[in-house]
């Protein structure tokens, strides 16, 4: 028979062993949805992102959802425009840059000179939408040449009649994104033949904010403007979208025509550029992977067109190599 002394000693050993097993094995904490770094430490830190106002709704949606699960990570998203974002990105000021166009050679060279290596992530498709006032009854479509008559450098078109015979001889009020916007770069290259080449006279207003274009077109019967398809989707009750005659067919931008690229040449991809140095930070890596896993659903919610799922999967695999 065990003595009381031996029995107490055995009970104490069992208790010590149980405590040790609990400490070593651990339990998964289900009281929060916060992501662990794998070392038992919750993610924390600040992720600064800037750039395209077109891509902003996608990245902002990802930041908000990621923040619900990772309350100690602050994701800041700015709207300096694609060019403005790249200016900061190539100096090492940002973890990520939103872009509605590919990086220019000069920007890539500046990044290389500064020792900034990066990973390019394609996140969605978009189509530039040309819009006119709801009371505009004459514009049924526009050809690429007619768009160049309106927006081209050195254009002398001042009235709608100058664009097409039979249209009213009323002064056109032209709106365009400012030169810092990737939307401006893409449109001017597609329509005028060279990025940043545009008319620059009193007929045209360059807007830093897309909402200013919306307001301008909504408020003037003779106005015309352009911006990303998502902005049209948000404001389609305020204006008319213009079908584009690209010389092969007349196409109106829609989820289908943008995805199958029949809306040419004004369909485009949208990007996020991620600094490889910052991707080494666990919070940036976790956010980027979260972004790629969820951006397809965010895209449809805010008026963009998601990539095929296998393209997101390939990018996640590349990220994890």
Protein backbone atom coordinates (compact mmCIF):
# COMPACT_ATOMS: atom_id res chain seq x y z
CA UNK A 1 0.00 0.00 0.00
CA UNK A 2 1.10 3.53 -0.73
CA UNK A 3 1.77 5.72 2.25
CA UNK A 4 0.11 9.12 2.41
CA UNK A 5 3.49 10.69 1.78
CA UNK A 6 4.07 8.67 -1.42
CA UNK A 7 0.51 9.25 -2.62
CA UNK A 8 0.86 13.01 -2.18
CA UNK A 9 4.18 12.93 -4.02
CA UNK A 10 2.65 11.08 -7.00
CA UNK A 11 -0.28 13.50 -7.18
CA UNK A 12 2.14 16.41 -7.20
CA UNK A 13 4.15 14.83 -10.05
CA UNK A 14 0.94 14.28 -12.09
CA UNK A 15 -0.06 17.91 -11.54
CA UNK A 16 3.38 19.19 -12.61
CA UNK A 17 3.28 17.00 -15.74
CA UNK A 18 -0.18 18.30 -16.69
CA UNK A 19 0.93 21.92 -16.37
CA UNK A 20 4.03 21.21 -18.46
CA UNK A 21 2.01 19.54 -21.22
CA UNK A 22 -0.40 22.48 -21.34
CA UNK A 23 2.48 24.94 -21.67
CA UNK A 24 4.21 22.94 -24.40
CA UNK A 25 1.24 21.89 -26.47
CA UNK A 26 -0.67 25.10 -26.18
CA UNK A 27 -4.22 25.70 -27.35
CA UNK A 28 -5.30 27.66 -30.36
CA UNK A 29 -6.82 30.92 -29.22
CA UNK A 30 -10.25 31.13 -30.82
CA UNK A 31 -11.30 34.22 -28.91
CA UNK A 32 -10.02 36.48 -31.73
CA UNK A 33 -9.64 36.20 -35.46
CA UNK A 34 -6.19 37.78 -35.36
CA UNK A 35 -3.47 36.23 -37.46
CA UNK A 36 -0.43 34.80 -35.74
CA UNK A 37 3.09 35.14 -37.08
CA UNK A 38 3.75 31.49 -36.16
CA UNK A 39 5.71 32.47 -33.04
CA UNK A 40 2.68 33.08 -30.87
CA UNK A 41 2.87 36.83 -31.57
CA UNK A 42 -0.01 38.75 -33.10
CA UNK A 43 0.71 40.79 -36.21
CA UNK A 44 1.33 44.49 -35.67
CA UNK A 45 2.80 47.45 -37.50
CA UNK A 46 1.96 50.01 -40.17
CA UNK A 47 1.63 49.39 -43.91
CA UNK A 48 1.69 52.54 -46.03
CA UNK A 49 0.19 52.41 -49.54
CA UNK A 50 -0.35 55.24 -52.02
CA UNK A 51 -1.03 55.73 -55.71
CA UNK A 52 -3.90 55.25 -58.13
CA UNK A 53 -7.30 56.59 -57.11
CA UNK A 54 -8.78 54.01 -59.47
CA UNK A 55 -7.24 51.10 -57.55
CA UNK A 56 -7.96 52.77 -54.20
CA UNK A 57 -11.43 51.17 -53.64
CA UNK A 58 -9.94 47.67 -54.06
CA UNK A 59 -7.04 48.25 -51.69
CA UNK A 60 -9.18 50.14 -49.19
CA UNK A 61 -11.69 47.25 -49.10
CA UNK A 62 -8.85 44.80 -48.49
CA UNK A 63 -7.41 47.04 -45.75
CA UNK A 64 -10.75 47.30 -43.96
CA UNK A 65 -11.41 43.56 -44.02
CA UNK A 66 -7.84 42.70 -43.04
CA UNK A 67 -8.08 45.16 -40.14
CA UNK A 68 -11.11 43.33 -38.73
CA UNK A 69 -8.92 40.28 -38.19
CA UNK A 70 -5.70 42.12 -37.38
CA UNK A 71 -6.54 45.09 -35.22
CA UNK A 72 -2.90 45.85 -34.39
CA UNK A 73 -1.95 46.38 -38.04
CA UNK A 74 -2.67 49.84 -39.46
CA UNK A 75 -3.00 49.94 -43.25
CA UNK A 76 -2.94 53.49 -44.65
CA UNK A 77 -4.12 53.95 -48.26
CA UNK A 78 -3.60 57.25 -50.13
CA UNK A 79 -4.76 58.56 -53.53
CA UNK A 80 -1.83 60.58 -54.91
CA UNK A 81 -2.37 59.12 -58.39
CA UNK A 82 -0.29 56.42 -60.07
CA UNK A 83 2.55 58.81 -60.87
CA UNK A 84 2.50 60.31 -57.37
CA UNK A 85 2.52 56.85 -55.82
CA UNK A 86 5.47 55.69 -57.90
CA UNK A 87 7.43 58.84 -56.97
CA UNK A 88 7.19 57.80 -53.32
CA UNK A 89 7.54 54.07 -53.97
CA UNK A 90 10.86 54.34 -55.84
CA UNK A 91 12.27 56.37 -52.93
CA UNK A 92 11.43 53.57 -50.49
CA UNK A 93 8.70 55.54 -48.73
CA UNK A 94 5.92 52.99 -49.36
CA UNK A 95 5.39 49.30 -48.76
CA UNK A 96 3.07 49.16 -51.78
CA UNK A 97 1.96 51.35 -54.70
CA UNK A 98 -1.43 51.15 -56.38
CA UNK A 99 -1.14 51.59 -60.16
CA UNK A 100 -3.56 51.82 -63.06
CA UNK A 101 -0.71 51.35 -65.54
CA UNK A 102 2.60 49.52 -65.65
CA UNK A 103 5.66 51.20 -64.18
CA UNK A 104 7.51 53.43 -66.67
CA UNK A 105 11.12 52.73 -67.63
CA UNK A 106 12.25 55.93 -65.92
CA UNK A 107 10.45 54.94 -62.71
CA UNK A 108 11.89 51.42 -62.81
CA UNK A 109 15.38 52.86 -63.29
CA UNK A 110 14.88 55.18 -60.31
CA UNK A 111 13.81 52.20 -58.19
CA UNK A 112 16.86 50.21 -59.28
CA UNK A 113 19.17 53.13 -58.47
CA UNK A 114 17.64 53.34 -55.01
CA UNK A 115 17.96 49.58 -54.44
CA UNK A 116 14.20 49.04 -54.47
CA UNK A 117 13.29 45.55 -55.71
CA UNK A 118 9.60 44.85 -56.13
CA UNK A 119 6.97 42.29 -57.02
CA UNK A 120 4.23 43.21 -59.50
CA UNK A 121 0.74 41.95 -58.68
CA UNK A 122 -2.09 42.12 -61.21
CA UNK A 123 -5.32 42.53 -59.24
CA UNK A 124 -8.27 43.29 -61.58
CA UNK A 125 -9.43 44.50 -65.00
CA UNK A 126 -10.92 47.91 -65.75
CA UNK A 127 -12.22 49.75 -68.81
CA UNK A 128 -11.93 53.50 -69.31
CA UNK A 129 -15.42 54.89 -69.77
CA UNK A 130 -16.17 57.96 -71.88
CA UNK A 131 -19.24 59.78 -70.56
CA UNK A 132 -21.46 62.70 -71.56
CA UNK A 133 -24.30 64.58 -69.93
CA UNK A 134 -27.66 62.80 -69.63
CA UNK A 135 -29.31 65.49 -71.79
CA UNK A 136 -26.84 65.01 -74.63
CA UNK A 137 -29.07 63.63 -77.42
CA UNK A 138 -26.61 63.65 -80.34
CA UNK A 139 -23.64 61.53 -79.25
CA UNK A 140 -24.60 57.96 -80.17
CA UNK A 141 -20.98 56.73 -80.32
CA UNK A 142 -17.47 58.11 -80.79
CA UNK A 143 -14.71 56.82 -83.04
CA UNK A 144 -11.08 56.79 -81.95
CA UNK A 145 -10.38 59.60 -84.42
CA UNK A 146 -13.22 61.68 -82.96
CA UNK A 147 -11.84 61.17 -79.46
CA UNK A 148 -8.48 62.38 -80.73
CA UNK A 149 -10.18 65.45 -82.25
CA UNK A 150 -11.47 66.24 -78.78
CA UNK A 151 -8.47 65.30 -76.61
CA UNK A 152 -5.48 65.31 -78.98
CA UNK A 153 -2.55 67.73 -78.60
CA UNK A 154 -3.02 70.76 -80.81
CA UNK A 155 -6.73 70.06 -81.23
CA UNK A 156 -8.71 72.97 -82.63
CA UNK A 157 -12.15 71.44 -82.02
CA UNK A 158 -14.13 73.91 -79.97
CA UNK A 159 -17.70 72.84 -80.70
CA UNK A 160 -19.46 69.51 -81.17
CA UNK A 161 -19.89 70.43 -84.85
CA UNK A 162 -16.09 70.47 -85.16
CA UNK A 163 -16.07 66.82 -84.08
CA UNK A 164 -18.78 65.56 -86.44
CA UNK A 165 -20.81 67.39 -89.08
CA UNK A 166 -24.44 67.67 -88.07
CA UNK A 167 -23.77 67.89 -84.37
CA UNK A 168 -24.66 71.20 -82.63
CA UNK A 169 -22.30 74.13 -82.93
CA UNK A 170 -22.12 74.41 -79.15
CA UNK A 171 -18.90 74.72 -77.19
CA UNK A 172 -17.58 71.45 -75.77
CA UNK A 173 -16.63 71.42 -72.11
CA UNK A 174 -13.88 68.82 -71.81
CA UNK A 175 -12.85 67.07 -68.59
CA UNK A 176 -9.82 64.87 -68.02
CA UNK A 177 -7.94 63.34 -65.08
CA UNK A 178 -4.78 65.21 -64.17
CA UNK A 179 -1.34 64.21 -65.40
CA UNK A 180 -0.46 62.35 -62.19
CA UNK A 181 -3.16 59.79 -62.86
CA UNK A 182 -2.44 56.48 -64.54
CA UNK A 183 -5.85 56.83 -66.18
CA UNK A 184 -4.56 59.92 -67.98
CA UNK A 185 -1.42 58.07 -69.09
CA UNK A 186 -3.37 55.11 -70.39
CA UNK A 187 -6.02 57.16 -72.21
CA UNK A 188 -3.56 59.54 -73.86
CA UNK A 189 -1.39 56.67 -75.08
CA UNK A 190 -4.38 54.68 -76.39
CA UNK A 191 -6.08 57.65 -78.09
CA UNK A 192 -3.35 60.17 -78.84
CA UNK A 193 -0.51 57.73 -79.48
CA UNK A 194 1.74 58.83 -76.62
CA UNK A 195 1.29 58.95 -72.86
CA UNK A 196 0.93 62.48 -71.41
CA UNK A 197 0.23 63.98 -74.88
CA UNK A 198 -2.99 65.99 -74.62
CA UNK A 199 -4.58 69.25 -75.64
CA UNK A 200 -3.92 71.89 -73.05
CA UNK A 201 -6.07 74.95 -73.67
CA UNK A 202 -9.03 76.68 -72.07
CA UNK A 203 -11.42 74.05 -73.46
CA UNK A 204 -10.13 71.37 -71.10
CA UNK A 205 -10.24 71.03 -67.32
CA UNK A 206 -7.74 68.69 -65.65
CA UNK A 207 -9.21 67.33 -62.44
CA UNK A 208 -7.16 66.00 -59.54
CA UNK A 209 -10.24 64.25 -58.20
CA UNK A 210 -12.50 61.97 -60.26
CA UNK A 211 -15.57 63.26 -58.44
CA UNK A 212 -14.87 66.66 -60.03
CA UNK A 213 -15.24 65.06 -63.46
CA UNK A 214 -18.50 63.44 -62.39
CA UNK A 215 -19.83 66.80 -61.17
CA UNK A 216 -18.62 68.63 -64.28
CA UNK A 217 -20.25 66.22 -66.73
CA UNK A 218 -23.44 66.03 -64.68
CA UNK A 219 -23.76 69.81 -64.57
CA UNK A 220 -23.18 70.75 -68.23
CA UNK A 221 -25.15 69.53 -71.25
CA UNK A 222 -22.10 69.98 -73.49
CA UNK A 223 -19.58 68.24 -71.23
CA UNK A 224 -17.53 65.11 -71.88
CA UNK A 225 -15.13 63.23 -69.63
CA UNK A 226 -13.56 59.86 -68.95
CA UNK A 227 -12.56 57.69 -65.98
CA UNK A 228 -12.53 54.08 -64.82
CA UNK A 229 -15.57 51.86 -65.29
CA UNK A 230 -16.10 51.55 -61.53
CA UNK A 231 -16.73 55.31 -61.28
CA UNK A 232 -19.32 55.07 -64.03
CA UNK A 233 -21.02 52.18 -62.20
CA UNK A 234 -21.22 54.32 -59.07
CA UNK A 235 -22.66 57.31 -60.98
CA UNK A 236 -24.54 55.86 -63.95
CA UNK A 237 -27.79 57.57 -62.96
CA UNK A 238 -26.03 60.95 -63.41
CA UNK A 239 -24.62 60.58 -66.94
CA UNK A 240 -24.56 58.59 -70.21
CA UNK A 241 -21.86 56.17 -71.24
CA UNK A 242 -20.61 56.41 -74.83
CA UNK A 243 -20.06 53.33 -77.05
CA UNK A 244 -16.68 53.37 -78.78
CA UNK A 245 -16.19 52.54 -82.46
CA UNK A 246 -12.69 51.07 -82.56
CA UNK A 247 -12.72 50.50 -86.32
CA UNK A 248 -13.69 46.86 -85.97
CA UNK A 249 -16.86 47.09 -83.92
CA UNK A 250 -18.87 49.46 -81.76
CA UNK A 251 -18.48 48.37 -78.14
CA UNK A 252 -19.93 49.66 -74.87
CA UNK A 253 -17.84 48.97 -71.76
CA UNK A 254 -19.34 46.31 -69.50
CA UNK A 255 -18.07 43.55 -67.24
CA UNK A 256 -18.22 41.16 -70.18
CA UNK A 257 -16.56 43.35 -72.86
CA UNK A 258 -13.80 44.43 -70.48
CA UNK A 259 -13.07 40.87 -69.37
CA UNK A 260 -12.96 39.44 -72.89
CA UNK A 261 -10.99 42.54 -74.04
CA UNK A 262 -13.37 43.28 -76.90
CA UNK A 263 -13.64 46.78 -75.43
CA UNK A 264 -10.42 47.81 -77.12
CA UNK A 265 -8.24 49.77 -76.82
CA UNK A 266 -9.61 51.11 -73.53
CA UNK A 267 -9.52 47.92 -71.44
CA UNK A 268 -6.62 47.63 -69.02
CA UNK A 269 -5.21 45.71 -66.07
CA UNK A 270 -4.82 47.21 -62.59
CA UNK A 271 -1.77 46.57 -60.42
CA UNK A 272 -0.25 46.69 -56.97
CA UNK A 273 3.55 47.00 -56.73
CA UNK A 274 4.96 45.56 -53.50
CA UNK A 275 8.43 46.31 -52.15
CA UNK A 276 10.32 43.03 -51.64
CA UNK A 277 12.02 44.50 -48.58
CA UNK A 278 8.63 45.19 -47.02
CA UNK A 279 7.26 41.80 -48.09
CA UNK A 280 9.82 40.33 -45.66
CA UNK A 281 7.80 41.90 -42.85
CA UNK A 282 5.21 39.37 -41.61
CA UNK A 283 2.35 41.89 -41.51
CA UNK A 284 2.99 43.02 -45.13
CA UNK A 285 3.29 39.43 -46.36
CA UNK A 286 0.05 38.47 -44.56
CA UNK A 287 -1.82 41.50 -45.95
CA UNK A 288 -0.61 40.86 -49.50
CA UNK A 289 -1.68 37.21 -49.39
CA UNK A 290 -5.04 38.23 -47.89
CA UNK A 291 -5.44 40.79 -50.68
CA UNK A 292 -4.83 38.25 -53.45
CA UNK A 293 -7.13 35.68 -51.86
CA UNK A 294 -10.02 38.13 -51.56
CA UNK A 295 -9.60 40.79 -54.26
CA UNK A 296 -11.76 38.87 -56.73
CA UNK A 297 -14.82 39.34 -54.53
CA UNK A 298 -13.87 42.95 -53.73
CA UNK A 299 -13.56 43.68 -57.48
CA UNK A 300 -17.15 42.73 -58.25
CA UNK A 301 -18.40 44.75 -55.27
CA UNK A 302 -16.78 48.01 -56.39
CA UNK A 303 -17.30 47.81 -60.16
CA UNK A 304 -14.13 46.11 -61.40
CA UNK A 305 -13.75 42.78 -63.15
CA UNK A 306 -11.98 39.96 -61.35
CA UNK A 307 -9.14 38.00 -62.93
CA UNK A 308 -9.58 34.27 -63.49
CA UNK A 309 -9.01 32.52 -60.14
CA UNK A 310 -5.97 30.63 -61.45
CA UNK A 311 -4.20 33.96 -62.00
CA UNK A 312 -4.64 34.87 -58.33
CA UNK A 313 -3.49 31.38 -57.32
CA UNK A 314 -0.35 31.69 -59.46
CA UNK A 315 0.50 35.03 -57.86
CA UNK A 316 0.00 33.66 -54.34
CA UNK A 317 2.30 30.76 -55.20
CA UNK A 318 4.90 33.23 -56.54
CA UNK A 319 4.57 35.29 -53.35
CA UNK A 320 5.24 32.24 -51.17
CA UNK A 321 8.36 31.12 -53.01
